[in-house]
Amino acid sequence: MSNDHSAAHEGSSHGNATSYIIGFVLAVILTAAAFMVVMGHSLSPSATLMAITVLAAIQVVVHLIFFLHMSTTAEQAWNNKVFLFTLGFVAIFFVGTMFIMDNTAAHMMSR
């Protein structure tokens, strides 16, 4: 029974406590930084939006590396391919939705 369990997880890394703690600390720091950017009112609204977007993107990378254990190793090749496919699908979905909404607004406002 335990042989099946080890065979099912062969080639995958589950990380260790240190990597989880590092990921947690980085996630907390990035969340606090985003909170401080918004509460500080030190940036213009568009700069605040850009800063939050960048901090969110960095936090997604932190979660992918430290909690989902994605890496560029050969064992992670299929996971990386699926992740890139998902990113491509979400990008097509987002761009298509924006195009449809813009086209609809242009046609509705012209009358």
C-alpha atoms as a PDB file:
ATOM      1  CA  MET A   1       0.000   0.000   0.000  1.00  0.00           C
ATOM      2  CA  SER A   2       2.723   2.471   0.927  1.00  0.00           C
ATOM      3  CA  ASN A   3       4.581   1.484  -2.225  1.00  0.00           C
ATOM      4  CA  ASP A   4       1.639   2.709  -4.315  1.00  0.00           C
ATOM      5  CA  HIS A   5       1.642   6.003  -2.446  1.00  0.00           C
ATOM      6  CA  SER A   6       5.331   6.609  -3.066  1.00  0.00           C
ATOM      7  CA  ALA A   7       4.965   5.606  -6.720  1.00  0.00           C
ATOM      8  CA  ALA A   8       2.106   8.055  -7.186  1.00  0.00           C
ATOM      9  CA  HIS A   9       4.263  10.959  -6.024  1.00  0.00           C
ATOM     10  CA  GLU A  10       7.449   9.889  -7.733  1.00  0.00           C
ATOM     11  CA  GLY A  11       9.236  12.788  -9.356  1.00  0.00           C
ATOM     12  CA  SER A  12       7.208  15.463  -7.624  1.00  0.00           C
ATOM     13  CA  SER A  13       8.619  17.683  -4.924  1.00  0.00           C
ATOM     14  CA  HIS A  14       6.472  18.668  -1.983  1.00  0.00           C
ATOM     15  CA  GLY A  15       8.892  21.233  -0.623  1.00  0.00           C
ATOM     16  CA  ASN A  16       9.828  21.576   3.000  1.00  0.00           C
ATOM     17  CA  ALA A  17       8.883  23.738   5.947  1.00  0.00           C
ATOM     18  CA  THR A  18      11.506  26.341   5.104  1.00  0.00           C
ATOM     19  CA  SER A  19      10.146  26.898   1.605  1.00  0.00           C
ATOM     20  CA  TYR A  20       6.601  27.194   2.973  1.00  0.00           C
ATOM     21  CA  ILE A  21       7.730  29.741   5.572  1.00  0.00           C
ATOM     22  CA  ILE A  22       9.627  31.761   2.960  1.00  0.00           C
ATOM     23  CA  GLY A  23       6.589  31.725   0.679  1.00  0.00           C
ATOM     24  CA  PHE A  24       4.287  32.740   3.504  1.00  0.00           C
ATOM     25  CA  VAL A  25       6.546  35.633   4.562  1.00  0.00           C
ATOM     26  CA  LEU A  26       6.854  36.864   0.979  1.00  0.00           C
ATOM     27  CA  ALA A  27       3.080  36.651   0.504  1.00  0.00           C
ATOM     28  CA  VAL A  28       2.477  38.620   3.700  1.00  0.00           C
ATOM     29  CA  ILE A  29       5.047  41.272   2.693  1.00  0.00           C
ATOM     30  CA  LEU A  30       3.487  41.655  -0.762  1.00  0.00           C
ATOM     31  CA  THR A  31      -0.010  41.897   0.703  1.00  0.00           C
ATOM     32  CA  ALA A  32       1.122  44.496   3.244  1.00  0.00           C
ATOM     33  CA  ALA A  33       2.877  46.470   0.506  1.00  0.00           C
ATOM     34  CA  ALA A  34      -0.304  46.546  -1.576  1.00  0.00           C
ATOM     35  CA  PHE A  35      -2.292  47.600   1.483  1.00  0.00           C
ATOM     36  CA  MET A  36       0.182  50.390   2.251  1.00  0.00           C
ATOM     37  CA  VAL A  37       0.110  51.637  -1.350  1.00  0.00           C
ATOM     38  CA  VAL A  38      -3.667  51.978  -1.199  1.00  0.00           C
ATOM     39  CA  MET A  39      -3.907  53.386   2.328  1.00  0.00           C
ATOM     40  CA  GLY A  40      -0.984  55.806   1.864  1.00  0.00           C
ATOM     41  CA  HIS A  41      -2.633  57.709  -1.012  1.00  0.00           C
ATOM     42  CA  SER A  42       0.908  58.588  -2.122  1.00  0.00           C
ATOM     43  CA  LEU A  43       0.393  57.616  -5.764  1.00  0.00           C
ATOM     44  CA  SER A  44      -2.048  58.739  -8.409  1.00  0.00           C
ATOM     45  CA  PRO A  45      -5.029  56.428  -9.002  1.00  0.00           C
ATOM     46  CA  SER A  46      -3.547  55.004 -12.193  1.00  0.00           C
ATOM     47  CA  ALA A  47      -0.144  54.502 -10.542  1.00  0.00           C
ATOM     48  CA  THR A  48      -1.837  52.846  -7.569  1.00  0.00           C
ATOM     49  CA  LEU A  49      -3.652  50.477  -9.917  1.00  0.00           C
ATOM     50  CA  MET A  50      -0.402  49.687 -11.723  1.00  0.00           C
ATOM     51  CA  ALA A  51       1.446  49.100  -8.426  1.00  0.00           C
ATOM     52  CA  ILE A  52      -1.264  46.749  -7.170  1.00  0.00           C
ATOM     53  CA  THR A  53      -1.237  44.888 -10.482  1.00  0.00           C
ATOM     54  CA  VAL A  54       2.530  44.411 -10.330  1.00  0.00           C
ATOM     55  CA  LEU A  55       2.407  43.313  -6.673  1.00  0.00           C
ATOM     56  CA  ALA A  56      -0.397  40.853  -7.488  1.00  0.00           C
ATOM     57  CA  ALA A  57       1.570  39.395 -10.395  1.00  0.00           C
ATOM     58  CA  ILE A  58       4.613  38.960  -8.156  1.00  0.00           C
ATOM     59  CA  GLN A  59       2.439  37.293  -5.538  1.00  0.00           C
ATOM     60  CA  VAL A  60       1.074  34.848  -8.112  1.00  0.00           C
ATOM     61  CA  VAL A  61       4.654  33.886  -8.973  1.00  0.00           C
ATOM     62  CA  VAL A  62       5.473  33.449  -5.273  1.00  0.00           C
ATOM     63  CA  HIS A  63       2.479  31.154  -4.831  1.00  0.00           C
ATOM     64  CA  LEU A  64       3.373  29.144  -7.929  1.00  0.00           C
ATOM     65  CA  ILE A  65       6.958  28.612  -6.782  1.00  0.00           C
ATOM     66  CA  PHE A  66       6.634  28.156  -3.016  1.00  0.00           C
ATOM     67  CA  PHE A  67       3.183  26.572  -2.634  1.00  0.00           C
ATOM     68  CA  LEU A  68       2.525  24.799  -5.943  1.00  0.00           C
ATOM     69  CA  HIS A  69       6.236  23.872  -6.325  1.00  0.00           C
ATOM     70  CA  MET A  70       6.434  24.765 -10.000  1.00  0.00           C
ATOM     71  CA  SER A  71       9.947  24.890 -11.386  1.00  0.00           C
ATOM     72  CA  THR A  72      11.810  24.504 -14.641  1.00  0.00           C
ATOM     73  CA  THR A  73      12.962  20.945 -13.913  1.00  0.00           C
ATOM     74  CA  ALA A  74      12.235  18.130 -16.333  1.00  0.00           C
ATOM     75  CA  GLU A  75       9.769  16.554 -13.873  1.00  0.00           C
ATOM     76  CA  GLN A  76       7.651  19.700 -13.991  1.00  0.00           C
ATOM     77  CA  ALA A  77       7.525  19.928 -17.801  1.00  0.00           C
ATOM     78  CA  TRP A  78       3.890  18.774 -18.085  1.00  0.00           C
ATOM     79  CA  ASN A  79       2.772  21.012 -15.247  1.00  0.00           C
ATOM     80  CA  ASN A  80       4.450  23.975 -16.918  1.00  0.00           C
ATOM     81  CA  LYS A  81       2.850  23.140 -20.277  1.00  0.00           C
ATOM     82  CA  VAL A  82      -0.598  22.907 -18.717  1.00  0.00           C
ATOM     83  CA  PHE A  83      -0.009  26.169 -16.871  1.00  0.00           C
ATOM     84  CA  LEU A  84       1.052  27.947 -20.088  1.00  0.00           C
ATOM     85  CA  PHE A  85      -1.993  26.538 -21.898  1.00  0.00           C
ATOM     86  CA  THR A  86      -4.199  27.849 -19.101  1.00  0.00           C
ATOM     87  CA  LEU A  87      -2.563  31.277 -19.295  1.00  0.00           C
ATOM     88  CA  GLY A  88      -3.109  31.344 -23.056  1.00  0.00           C
ATOM     89  CA  PHE A  89      -6.736  30.329 -22.666  1.00  0.00           C
ATOM     90  CA  VAL A  90      -7.358  32.991 -20.018  1.00  0.00           C
ATOM     91  CA  ALA A  91      -5.650  35.622 -22.204  1.00  0.00           C
ATOM     92  CA  ILE A  92      -7.815  34.709 -25.203  1.00  0.00           C
ATOM     93  CA  PHE A  93     -10.911  34.742 -22.996  1.00  0.00           C
ATOM     94  CA  PHE A  94      -9.991  38.140 -21.510  1.00  0.00           C
ATOM     95  CA  VAL A  95      -9.099  39.785 -24.835  1.00  0.00           C
ATOM     96  CA  GLY A  96     -12.175  38.327 -26.516  1.00  0.00           C
ATOM     97  CA  THR A  97     -14.420  39.566 -23.749  1.00  0.00           C
ATOM     98  CA  MET A  98     -12.908  43.058 -23.888  1.00  0.00           C
ATOM     99  CA  PHE A  99     -13.343  43.108 -27.685  1.00  0.00           C
ATOM    100  CA  ILE A 100     -16.976  42.046 -27.473  1.00  0.00           C
ATOM    101  CA  MET A 101     -17.780  44.544 -24.721  1.00  0.00           C
ATOM    102  CA  ASP A 102     -16.052  47.384 -26.596  1.00  0.00           C
ATOM    103  CA  ASN A 103     -17.794  46.488 -29.849  1.00  0.00           C
ATOM    104  CA  THR A 104     -21.161  46.278 -28.092  1.00  0.00           C
ATOM    105  CA  ALA A 105     -20.640  49.642 -26.398  1.00  0.00           C
ATOM    106  CA  ALA A 106     -19.646  51.255 -29.699  1.00  0.00           C
ATOM    107  CA  HIS A 107     -22.762  49.948 -31.441  1.00  0.00           C
ATOM    108  CA  MET A 108     -25.106  50.811 -28.572  1.00  0.00           C
ATOM    109  CA  MET A 109     -23.795  54.370 -28.166  1.00  0.00           C
ATOM    110  CA  SER A 110     -23.910  55.170 -31.895  1.00  0.00           C
ATOM    111  CA  ARG A 111     -27.727  55.117 -32.033  1.00  0.00           C
END
